[in-house]
Amino acid sequence: MILVAGGTGFVGGGIVRELRRRGHGVAVLTRDSKRAASRFGDLGVELREGDVRDPTSLGPTLRGSEVVIGCQQFPNSPIENPSRGYTFEEVDAKGTENLVAAAKASGAKRYIYLSGLAPPPMRHTIGSGRSGALRRPCGKAACCIPYSAHPGCMDRRTGPSTAS
């Protein structure tokens, strides 16, 4: 089973549909399964209620997921609504940390992170390339991504790009 956090959004919805087209079992993490039900019609998508801002809601939701894809974002992104907890810090940063920790605890074999931002656990610039900085994990226990780079900055086989 592949669980997609953010599967009701624009990017996540496309991922869900493509995974189903390829025959994969898919579950979508959603804050409101009744509202989400109309998005996928008869695709055979399982809806699981939870909120990345609430770590206690994630354990049962992720059980049985071999892969977790985190592409969640808050409603009306990039316009934050701090009074409702819809901020980059709460959803993209802390929410990702919560989701990674829950994925590890549930026994997921792989976690895939997608965002238009640099991954929130990556804070320390250690080099640079044409398109941005290479970053290393900040050392937080929830971080499972060994490194990240802005597009074009790095080739995973050879390291940072040296082209100017």
N, C-alpha and C. Protein backbone atom coordinates (compact mmCIF):
# COMPACT_ATOMS: atom_id res chain seq x y z
N MET A 1 0.85 -1.17 0.00
CA MET A 1 0.00 0.00 0.00
C MET A 1 0.89 1.24 0.00
N ILE A 2 0.54 2.23 -0.82
CA ILE A 2 1.24 3.50 -0.86
C ILE A 2 0.31 4.55 -0.27
N LEU A 3 0.77 5.24 0.76
CA LEU A 3 -0.02 6.30 1.38
C LEU A 3 0.47 7.65 0.88
N VAL A 4 -0.46 8.50 0.45
CA VAL A 4 -0.11 9.83 -0.04
C VAL A 4 -0.70 10.87 0.90
N ALA A 5 0.19 11.57 1.61
CA ALA A 5 -0.24 12.71 2.43
C ALA A 5 -0.25 13.92 1.51
N GLY A 6 -1.38 14.56 1.41
CA GLY A 6 -1.52 15.65 0.44
C GLY A 6 -2.17 15.17 -0.84
N GLY A 7 -2.73 13.98 -0.80
CA GLY A 7 -3.32 13.38 -1.99
C GLY A 7 -4.58 14.06 -2.50
N THR A 8 -5.16 14.94 -1.71
CA THR A 8 -6.34 15.67 -2.19
C THR A 8 -5.97 16.98 -2.87
N GLY A 9 -4.68 17.33 -2.84
CA GLY A 9 -4.22 18.56 -3.47
C GLY A 9 -3.94 18.38 -4.96
N PHE A 10 -3.46 19.43 -5.59
CA PHE A 10 -3.21 19.42 -7.03
C PHE A 10 -2.13 18.40 -7.40
N VAL A 11 -0.96 18.51 -6.81
CA VAL A 11 0.14 17.58 -7.12
C VAL A 11 -0.18 16.19 -6.60
N GLY A 12 -0.59 16.11 -5.34
CA GLY A 12 -0.90 14.81 -4.73
C GLY A 12 -2.00 14.07 -5.45
N GLY A 13 -3.03 14.80 -5.90
CA GLY A 13 -4.13 14.17 -6.64
C GLY A 13 -3.64 13.54 -7.93
N GLY A 14 -2.72 14.21 -8.61
CA GLY A 14 -2.13 13.65 -9.82
C GLY A 14 -1.32 12.40 -9.53
N ILE A 15 -0.60 12.41 -8.41
CA ILE A 15 0.18 11.24 -8.01
C ILE A 15 -0.76 10.07 -7.72
N VAL A 16 -1.82 10.33 -6.98
CA VAL A 16 -2.79 9.28 -6.64
C VAL A 16 -3.37 8.66 -7.90
N ARG A 17 -3.81 9.49 -8.83
CA ARG A 17 -4.42 8.97 -10.05
C ARG A 17 -3.43 8.14 -10.88
N GLU A 18 -2.18 8.61 -10.96
CA GLU A 18 -1.17 7.86 -11.73
C GLU A 18 -0.83 6.53 -11.05
N LEU A 19 -0.70 6.54 -9.74
CA LEU A 19 -0.44 5.28 -9.03
C LEU A 19 -1.56 4.28 -9.24
N ARG A 20 -2.81 4.74 -9.19
CA ARG A 20 -3.95 3.84 -9.42
C ARG A 20 -3.95 3.35 -10.87
N ARG A 21 -3.63 4.24 -11.81
CA ARG A 21 -3.58 3.85 -13.22
C ARG A 21 -2.56 2.73 -13.43
N ARG A 22 -1.50 2.76 -12.64
CA ARG A 22 -0.46 1.74 -12.74
C ARG A 22 -0.76 0.51 -11.89
N GLY A 23 -1.91 0.50 -11.23
CA GLY A 23 -2.35 -0.68 -10.50
C GLY A 23 -1.92 -0.77 -9.05
N HIS A 24 -1.36 0.27 -8.49
CA HIS A 24 -0.93 0.26 -7.10
C HIS A 24 -2.10 0.49 -6.14
N GLY A 25 -2.04 -0.13 -4.98
CA GLY A 25 -2.98 0.16 -3.91
C GLY A 25 -2.61 1.49 -3.29
N VAL A 26 -3.58 2.39 -3.15
CA VAL A 26 -3.29 3.74 -2.67
C VAL A 26 -4.25 4.12 -1.56
N ALA A 27 -3.67 4.71 -0.51
CA ALA A 27 -4.45 5.33 0.55
C ALA A 27 -4.08 6.80 0.58
N VAL A 28 -5.04 7.63 0.91
CA VAL A 28 -4.82 9.08 1.00
C VAL A 28 -5.05 9.52 2.43
N LEU A 29 -4.05 10.22 2.99
CA LEU A 29 -4.19 10.84 4.30
C LEU A 29 -4.96 12.13 4.11
N THR A 30 -6.08 12.27 4.82
CA THR A 30 -6.91 13.45 4.69
C THR A 30 -7.46 13.88 6.04
N ARG A 31 -7.65 15.16 6.22
CA ARG A 31 -8.25 15.64 7.46
C ARG A 31 -9.75 15.37 7.48
N ASP A 32 -10.38 15.22 6.33
CA ASP A 32 -11.83 15.07 6.25
C ASP A 32 -12.19 14.08 5.14
N SER A 33 -12.40 12.82 5.51
CA SER A 33 -12.64 11.78 4.49
C SER A 33 -13.96 11.99 3.75
N LYS A 34 -14.96 12.55 4.40
CA LYS A 34 -16.24 12.79 3.70
C LYS A 34 -16.06 13.79 2.57
N ARG A 35 -15.31 14.86 2.85
CA ARG A 35 -15.04 15.87 1.82
C ARG A 35 -14.16 15.31 0.71
N ALA A 36 -13.21 14.46 1.08
CA ALA A 36 -12.26 13.93 0.12
C ALA A 36 -12.87 12.85 -0.78
N ALA A 37 -13.94 12.22 -0.34
CA ALA A 37 -14.52 11.08 -1.07
C ALA A 37 -14.89 11.43 -2.52
N SER A 38 -15.35 12.64 -2.75
CA SER A 38 -15.80 13.02 -4.09
C SER A 38 -14.63 13.23 -5.06
N ARG A 39 -13.42 13.38 -4.56
CA ARG A 39 -12.27 13.68 -5.43
C ARG A 39 -11.82 12.49 -6.27
N PHE A 40 -12.10 11.27 -5.80
CA PHE A 40 -11.52 10.11 -6.46
C PHE A 40 -12.55 9.15 -7.06
N GLY A 41 -13.83 9.49 -6.96
CA GLY A 41 -14.87 8.69 -7.59
C GLY A 41 -14.71 7.20 -7.34
N ASP A 42 -14.65 6.44 -8.40
CA ASP A 42 -14.56 4.98 -8.28
C ASP A 42 -13.14 4.46 -8.54
N LEU A 43 -12.12 5.24 -8.18
CA LEU A 43 -10.74 4.82 -8.39
C LEU A 43 -10.27 3.73 -7.43
N GLY A 44 -11.05 3.48 -6.37
CA GLY A 44 -10.65 2.47 -5.40
C GLY A 44 -9.56 2.96 -4.46
N VAL A 45 -9.59 4.24 -4.14
CA VAL A 45 -8.63 4.84 -3.22
C VAL A 45 -9.17 4.74 -1.80
N GLU A 46 -8.33 4.30 -0.88
CA GLU A 46 -8.71 4.23 0.52
C GLU A 46 -8.44 5.58 1.17
N LEU A 47 -9.42 6.10 1.90
CA LEU A 47 -9.25 7.38 2.60
C LEU A 47 -9.01 7.13 4.07
N ARG A 48 -7.95 7.73 4.61
CA ARG A 48 -7.60 7.56 6.02
C ARG A 48 -7.50 8.93 6.66
N GLU A 49 -8.24 9.11 7.75
CA GLU A 49 -8.24 10.42 8.41
C GLU A 49 -7.05 10.59 9.33
N GLY A 50 -6.44 11.75 9.24
CA GLY A 50 -5.33 12.13 10.08
C GLY A 50 -4.88 13.52 9.70
N ASP A 51 -4.00 14.08 10.52
CA ASP A 51 -3.51 15.43 10.29
C ASP A 51 -2.03 15.45 10.64
N VAL A 52 -1.19 15.86 9.70
CA VAL A 52 0.25 15.85 9.93
C VAL A 52 0.66 16.74 11.10
N ARG A 53 -0.20 17.67 11.48
CA ARG A 53 0.11 18.54 12.63
C ARG A 53 -0.15 17.84 13.96
N ASP A 54 -0.83 16.69 13.91
CA ASP A 54 -1.17 15.94 15.12
C ASP A 54 -0.54 14.54 15.05
N PRO A 55 0.64 14.38 15.65
CA PRO A 55 1.33 13.09 15.54
C PRO A 55 0.52 11.91 16.05
N THR A 56 -0.36 12.13 17.02
CA THR A 56 -1.16 11.01 17.56
C THR A 56 -2.15 10.47 16.54
N SER A 57 -2.50 11.26 15.53
CA SER A 57 -3.45 10.80 14.51
C SER A 57 -2.78 9.98 13.42
N LEU A 58 -1.45 9.96 13.39
CA LEU A 58 -0.75 9.37 12.25
C LEU A 58 -0.44 7.88 12.40
N GLY A 59 -0.19 7.40 13.61
CA GLY A 59 0.18 6.00 13.81
C GLY A 59 -0.79 5.02 13.18
N PRO A 60 -2.06 5.06 13.60
CA PRO A 60 -3.03 4.12 13.02
C PRO A 60 -3.25 4.35 11.52
N THR A 61 -3.11 5.58 11.08
CA THR A 61 -3.35 5.93 9.68
C THR A 61 -2.31 5.34 8.74
N LEU A 62 -1.07 5.20 9.22
CA LEU A 62 0.01 4.72 8.37
C LEU A 62 0.22 3.21 8.41
N ARG A 63 -0.44 2.52 9.30
CA ARG A 63 -0.26 1.07 9.41
C ARG A 63 -0.51 0.38 8.07
N GLY A 64 0.40 -0.52 7.72
CA GLY A 64 0.25 -1.27 6.48
C GLY A 64 0.76 -0.56 5.24
N SER A 65 1.32 0.63 5.40
CA SER A 65 1.84 1.37 4.25
C SER A 65 3.32 1.05 4.07
N GLU A 66 3.67 0.53 2.91
CA GLU A 66 5.07 0.24 2.61
C GLU A 66 5.81 1.49 2.17
N VAL A 67 5.08 2.38 1.51
CA VAL A 67 5.66 3.63 1.02
C VAL A 67 4.76 4.77 1.49
N VAL A 68 5.39 5.85 1.94
CA VAL A 68 4.66 7.06 2.32
C VAL A 68 5.19 8.20 1.45
N ILE A 69 4.29 8.87 0.78
CA ILE A 69 4.65 10.03 -0.04
C ILE A 69 4.12 11.26 0.68
N GLY A 70 5.01 12.17 1.04
CA GLY A 70 4.61 13.40 1.73
C GLY A 70 4.64 14.57 0.77
N CYS A 71 3.48 15.01 0.34
CA CYS A 71 3.39 16.20 -0.52
C CYS A 71 2.30 17.12 0.00
N GLN A 72 2.10 17.08 1.32
CA GLN A 72 1.06 17.87 1.94
C GLN A 72 1.40 19.36 1.96
N GLN A 73 0.38 20.15 1.93
CA GLN A 73 0.50 21.60 2.07
C GLN A 73 -0.80 22.09 2.69
N PHE A 74 -0.77 23.26 3.25
CA PHE A 74 -1.96 23.78 3.91
C PHE A 74 -2.90 24.42 2.90
N PRO A 75 -4.20 24.51 3.23
CA PRO A 75 -5.17 25.12 2.31
C PRO A 75 -4.76 26.55 1.95
N ASN A 76 -4.93 26.90 0.72
CA ASN A 76 -4.64 28.23 0.18
C ASN A 76 -3.15 28.58 0.19
N SER A 77 -2.30 27.57 0.26
CA SER A 77 -0.86 27.83 0.20
C SER A 77 -0.55 28.64 -1.06
N PRO A 78 0.26 29.63 -0.98
CA PRO A 78 1.21 30.00 0.06
C PRO A 78 0.69 31.04 1.07
N ILE A 79 -0.60 31.31 1.08
CA ILE A 79 -1.14 32.28 2.04
C ILE A 79 -1.37 31.57 3.37
N GLU A 80 -0.55 31.90 4.36
CA GLU A 80 -0.65 31.25 5.66
C GLU A 80 -1.85 31.76 6.44
N ASN A 81 -2.38 30.91 7.33
CA ASN A 81 -3.45 31.27 8.25
C ASN A 81 -3.03 30.79 9.64
N PRO A 82 -2.18 31.57 10.32
CA PRO A 82 -1.64 31.13 11.61
C PRO A 82 -2.69 30.79 12.66
N SER A 83 -3.82 31.49 12.65
CA SER A 83 -4.85 31.22 13.66
C SER A 83 -5.42 29.81 13.54
N ARG A 84 -5.33 29.19 12.35
CA ARG A 84 -5.81 27.83 12.14
C ARG A 84 -4.66 26.81 12.08
N GLY A 85 -3.43 27.29 12.26
CA GLY A 85 -2.28 26.39 12.21
C GLY A 85 -1.85 26.05 10.80
N TYR A 86 -2.30 26.83 9.81
CA TYR A 86 -1.94 26.59 8.43
C TYR A 86 -0.77 27.49 8.06
N THR A 87 0.43 27.04 8.46
CA THR A 87 1.65 27.78 8.16
C THR A 87 2.68 26.81 7.60
N PHE A 88 3.71 27.35 6.95
CA PHE A 88 4.79 26.51 6.44
C PHE A 88 5.45 25.76 7.59
N GLU A 89 5.67 26.44 8.70
CA GLU A 89 6.33 25.81 9.85
C GLU A 89 5.51 24.64 10.39
N GLU A 90 4.20 24.82 10.56
CA GLU A 90 3.36 23.77 11.15
C GLU A 90 3.09 22.61 10.21
N VAL A 91 2.83 22.90 8.94
CA VAL A 91 2.43 21.84 8.01
C VAL A 91 3.62 21.26 7.25
N ASP A 92 4.41 22.12 6.62
CA ASP A 92 5.50 21.61 5.80
C ASP A 92 6.69 21.16 6.64
N ALA A 93 7.06 21.91 7.66
CA ALA A 93 8.22 21.54 8.48
C ALA A 93 7.86 20.53 9.56
N LYS A 94 7.11 20.96 10.56
CA LYS A 94 6.76 20.04 11.65
C LYS A 94 5.90 18.88 11.16
N GLY A 95 5.00 19.16 10.24
CA GLY A 95 4.15 18.10 9.69
C GLY A 95 4.97 17.03 9.01
N THR A 96 6.00 17.43 8.27
CA THR A 96 6.88 16.46 7.61
C THR A 96 7.65 15.66 8.66
N GLU A 97 8.16 16.33 9.68
CA GLU A 97 8.86 15.61 10.74
C GLU A 97 7.94 14.59 11.42
N ASN A 98 6.70 14.99 11.69
CA ASN A 98 5.73 14.07 12.30
C ASN A 98 5.46 12.88 11.39
N LEU A 99 5.29 13.16 10.10
CA LEU A 99 4.97 12.11 9.14
C LEU A 99 6.14 11.13 8.97
N VAL A 100 7.36 11.64 8.92
CA VAL A 100 8.53 10.77 8.78
C VAL A 100 8.66 9.88 10.02
N ALA A 101 8.49 10.47 11.20
CA ALA A 101 8.59 9.69 12.44
C ALA A 101 7.53 8.59 12.47
N ALA A 102 6.30 8.93 12.06
CA ALA A 102 5.22 7.94 12.04
C ALA A 102 5.48 6.86 10.99
N ALA A 103 6.04 7.25 9.85
CA ALA A 103 6.36 6.27 8.80
C ALA A 103 7.41 5.28 9.30
N LYS A 104 8.43 5.80 9.97
CA LYS A 104 9.45 4.92 10.54
C LYS A 104 8.84 3.97 11.56
N ALA A 105 8.04 4.52 12.46
CA ALA A 105 7.43 3.71 13.53
C ALA A 105 6.49 2.64 12.97
N SER A 106 5.84 2.94 11.84
CA SER A 106 4.88 1.99 11.27
C SER A 106 5.56 0.91 10.43
N GLY A 107 6.86 1.07 10.18
CA GLY A 107 7.59 0.08 9.39
C GLY A 107 7.60 0.34 7.90
N ALA A 108 7.23 1.55 7.49
CA ALA A 108 7.29 1.88 6.06
C ALA A 108 8.71 1.69 5.55
N LYS A 109 8.84 1.18 4.34
CA LYS A 109 10.16 0.91 3.77
C LYS A 109 10.75 2.12 3.05
N ARG A 110 9.90 3.05 2.64
CA ARG A 110 10.38 4.20 1.89
C ARG A 110 9.52 5.41 2.20
N TYR A 111 10.18 6.57 2.26
CA TYR A 111 9.48 7.85 2.42
C TYR A 111 9.94 8.74 1.28
N ILE A 112 8.98 9.32 0.58
CA ILE A 112 9.28 10.21 -0.54
C ILE A 112 8.74 11.59 -0.18
N TYR A 113 9.59 12.59 -0.26
CA TYR A 113 9.23 13.97 0.10
C TYR A 113 9.18 14.82 -1.16
N LEU A 114 8.07 15.52 -1.35
CA LEU A 114 7.94 16.45 -2.46
C LEU A 114 7.51 17.80 -1.91
N SER A 115 8.15 18.85 -2.39
CA SER A 115 7.77 20.20 -1.98
C SER A 115 8.37 21.20 -2.95
N GLY A 116 7.75 22.33 -3.04
CA GLY A 116 8.32 23.43 -3.80
C GLY A 116 9.38 24.16 -3.00
N LEU A 117 9.51 23.81 -1.74
CA LEU A 117 10.49 24.43 -0.86
C LEU A 117 11.65 23.48 -0.65
N ALA A 118 12.75 24.00 -0.11
CA ALA A 118 13.83 23.10 0.32
C ALA A 118 13.27 22.27 1.46
N PRO A 119 13.63 21.01 1.58
CA PRO A 119 13.10 20.17 2.65
C PRO A 119 13.33 20.80 4.01
N PRO A 120 12.30 20.88 4.84
CA PRO A 120 12.45 21.55 6.13
C PRO A 120 13.50 20.97 7.04
N PRO A 121 13.78 19.65 7.05
CA PRO A 121 14.83 19.17 7.94
C PRO A 121 16.24 19.57 7.50
N MET A 122 16.39 20.08 6.29
CA MET A 122 17.70 20.43 5.78
C MET A 122 17.97 21.91 6.05
N ARG A 123 18.87 22.20 6.95
CA ARG A 123 19.07 23.58 7.35
C ARG A 123 20.48 24.11 7.11
N HIS A 124 21.47 23.24 6.94
CA HIS A 124 22.86 23.69 6.96
C HIS A 124 23.47 23.66 5.57
N THR A 125 23.78 24.81 5.03
CA THR A 125 24.40 24.90 3.73
C THR A 125 25.85 24.46 3.85
N ILE A 126 26.27 23.55 2.97
CA ILE A 126 27.65 23.09 3.03
C ILE A 126 28.38 23.26 1.71
N GLY A 127 27.71 23.70 0.69
CA GLY A 127 28.36 23.88 -0.60
C GLY A 127 27.39 24.56 -1.54
N SER A 128 27.77 24.71 -2.77
CA SER A 128 26.83 25.33 -3.70
C SER A 128 27.04 24.78 -5.09
N GLY A 129 26.05 24.95 -5.90
CA GLY A 129 26.09 24.53 -7.28
C GLY A 129 25.40 25.59 -8.11
N ARG A 130 25.12 25.28 -9.35
CA ARG A 130 24.52 26.27 -10.24
C ARG A 130 23.19 26.79 -9.73
N SER A 131 22.36 25.90 -9.20
CA SER A 131 20.99 26.29 -8.87
C SER A 131 20.73 26.50 -7.39
N GLY A 132 21.70 26.29 -6.54
CA GLY A 132 21.42 26.48 -5.12
C GLY A 132 22.39 25.73 -4.25
N ALA A 133 22.05 25.63 -3.01
CA ALA A 133 22.96 25.07 -2.02
C ALA A 133 22.69 23.60 -1.76
N LEU A 134 23.75 22.85 -1.58
CA LEU A 134 23.65 21.47 -1.12
C LEU A 134 23.46 21.53 0.38
N ARG A 135 22.60 20.72 0.91
CA ARG A 135 22.30 20.78 2.33
C ARG A 135 22.44 19.40 2.94
N ARG A 136 22.83 19.33 4.18
CA ARG A 136 22.94 18.07 4.93
C ARG A 136 21.86 18.05 6.00
N PRO A 137 21.53 16.87 6.49
CA PRO A 137 20.52 16.78 7.56
C PRO A 137 20.94 17.58 8.78
N CYS A 138 19.95 18.11 9.45
CA CYS A 138 20.22 18.94 10.63
C CYS A 138 20.46 18.08 11.86
N GLY A 139 20.29 16.77 11.77
CA GLY A 139 20.53 15.89 12.90
C GLY A 139 19.29 15.56 13.70
N LYS A 140 18.14 16.06 13.31
CA LYS A 140 16.92 15.72 14.04
C LYS A 140 16.61 14.24 13.85
N ALA A 141 16.10 13.61 14.88
CA ALA A 141 15.86 12.17 14.85
C ALA A 141 14.89 11.77 13.75
N ALA A 142 13.95 12.64 13.41
CA ALA A 142 12.94 12.29 12.41
C ALA A 142 13.48 12.36 11.00
N CYS A 143 14.62 12.99 10.81
CA CYS A 143 15.13 13.20 9.46
C CYS A 143 15.67 11.89 8.89
N CYS A 144 15.15 11.48 7.73
CA CYS A 144 15.64 10.24 7.13
C CYS A 144 16.18 10.49 5.74
N ILE A 145 16.29 11.73 5.32
CA ILE A 145 16.77 12.05 3.99
C ILE A 145 18.25 12.40 4.11
N PRO A 146 19.15 11.63 3.52
CA PRO A 146 20.57 11.87 3.74
C PRO A 146 21.06 13.22 3.23
N TYR A 147 20.52 13.70 2.14
CA TYR A 147 20.84 15.04 1.68
C TYR A 147 19.82 15.45 0.64
N SER A 148 19.87 16.71 0.30
CA SER A 148 18.96 17.22 -0.70
C SER A 148 19.67 18.32 -1.45
N ALA A 149 19.17 18.62 -2.62
CA ALA A 149 19.76 19.70 -3.39
C ALA A 149 18.66 20.33 -4.23
N HIS A 150 18.84 21.59 -4.52
CA HIS A 150 17.92 22.22 -5.44
C HIS A 150 18.14 21.60 -6.82
N PRO A 151 17.14 21.60 -7.69
CA PRO A 151 17.28 20.96 -9.00
C PRO A 151 18.51 21.46 -9.75
N GLY A 152 19.22 20.55 -10.35
CA GLY A 152 20.39 20.90 -11.14
C GLY A 152 21.65 21.07 -10.33
N CYS A 153 21.55 21.08 -9.02
CA CYS A 153 22.70 21.34 -8.16
C CYS A 153 23.55 20.10 -7.98
N MET A 154 22.91 18.93 -8.04
CA MET A 154 23.66 17.76 -7.63
C MET A 154 23.29 16.53 -8.44
N ASP A 155 24.27 15.72 -8.69
CA ASP A 155 24.08 14.40 -9.25
C ASP A 155 24.38 13.44 -8.13
N ARG A 156 23.42 12.61 -7.73
CA ARG A 156 23.57 11.72 -6.57
C ARG A 156 24.78 10.80 -6.72
N ARG A 157 25.22 10.51 -7.95
CA ARG A 157 26.35 9.60 -8.14
C ARG A 157 27.69 10.31 -7.94
N THR A 158 27.77 11.60 -8.28
CA THR A 158 29.06 12.27 -8.27
C THR A 158 29.17 13.41 -7.28
N GLY A 159 28.08 13.84 -6.67
CA GLY A 159 28.14 14.93 -5.71
C GLY A 159 27.76 16.26 -6.35
N PRO A 160 28.08 17.35 -5.69
CA PRO A 160 27.66 18.66 -6.17
C PRO A 160 28.23 18.99 -7.55
N SER A 161 27.45 19.69 -8.30
CA SER A 161 27.89 20.14 -9.61
C SER A 161 28.98 21.20 -9.45
N THR A 162 29.98 21.14 -10.29
CA THR A 162 31.04 22.15 -10.24
C THR A 162 30.92 23.11 -11.41
N ALA A 163 29.92 22.91 -12.25
CA ALA A 163 29.73 23.81 -13.39
C ALA A 163 29.28 25.17 -12.90
N SER A 164 29.71 26.20 -13.57
CA SER A 164 29.31 27.56 -13.17
C SER A 164 28.20 28.08 -14.05
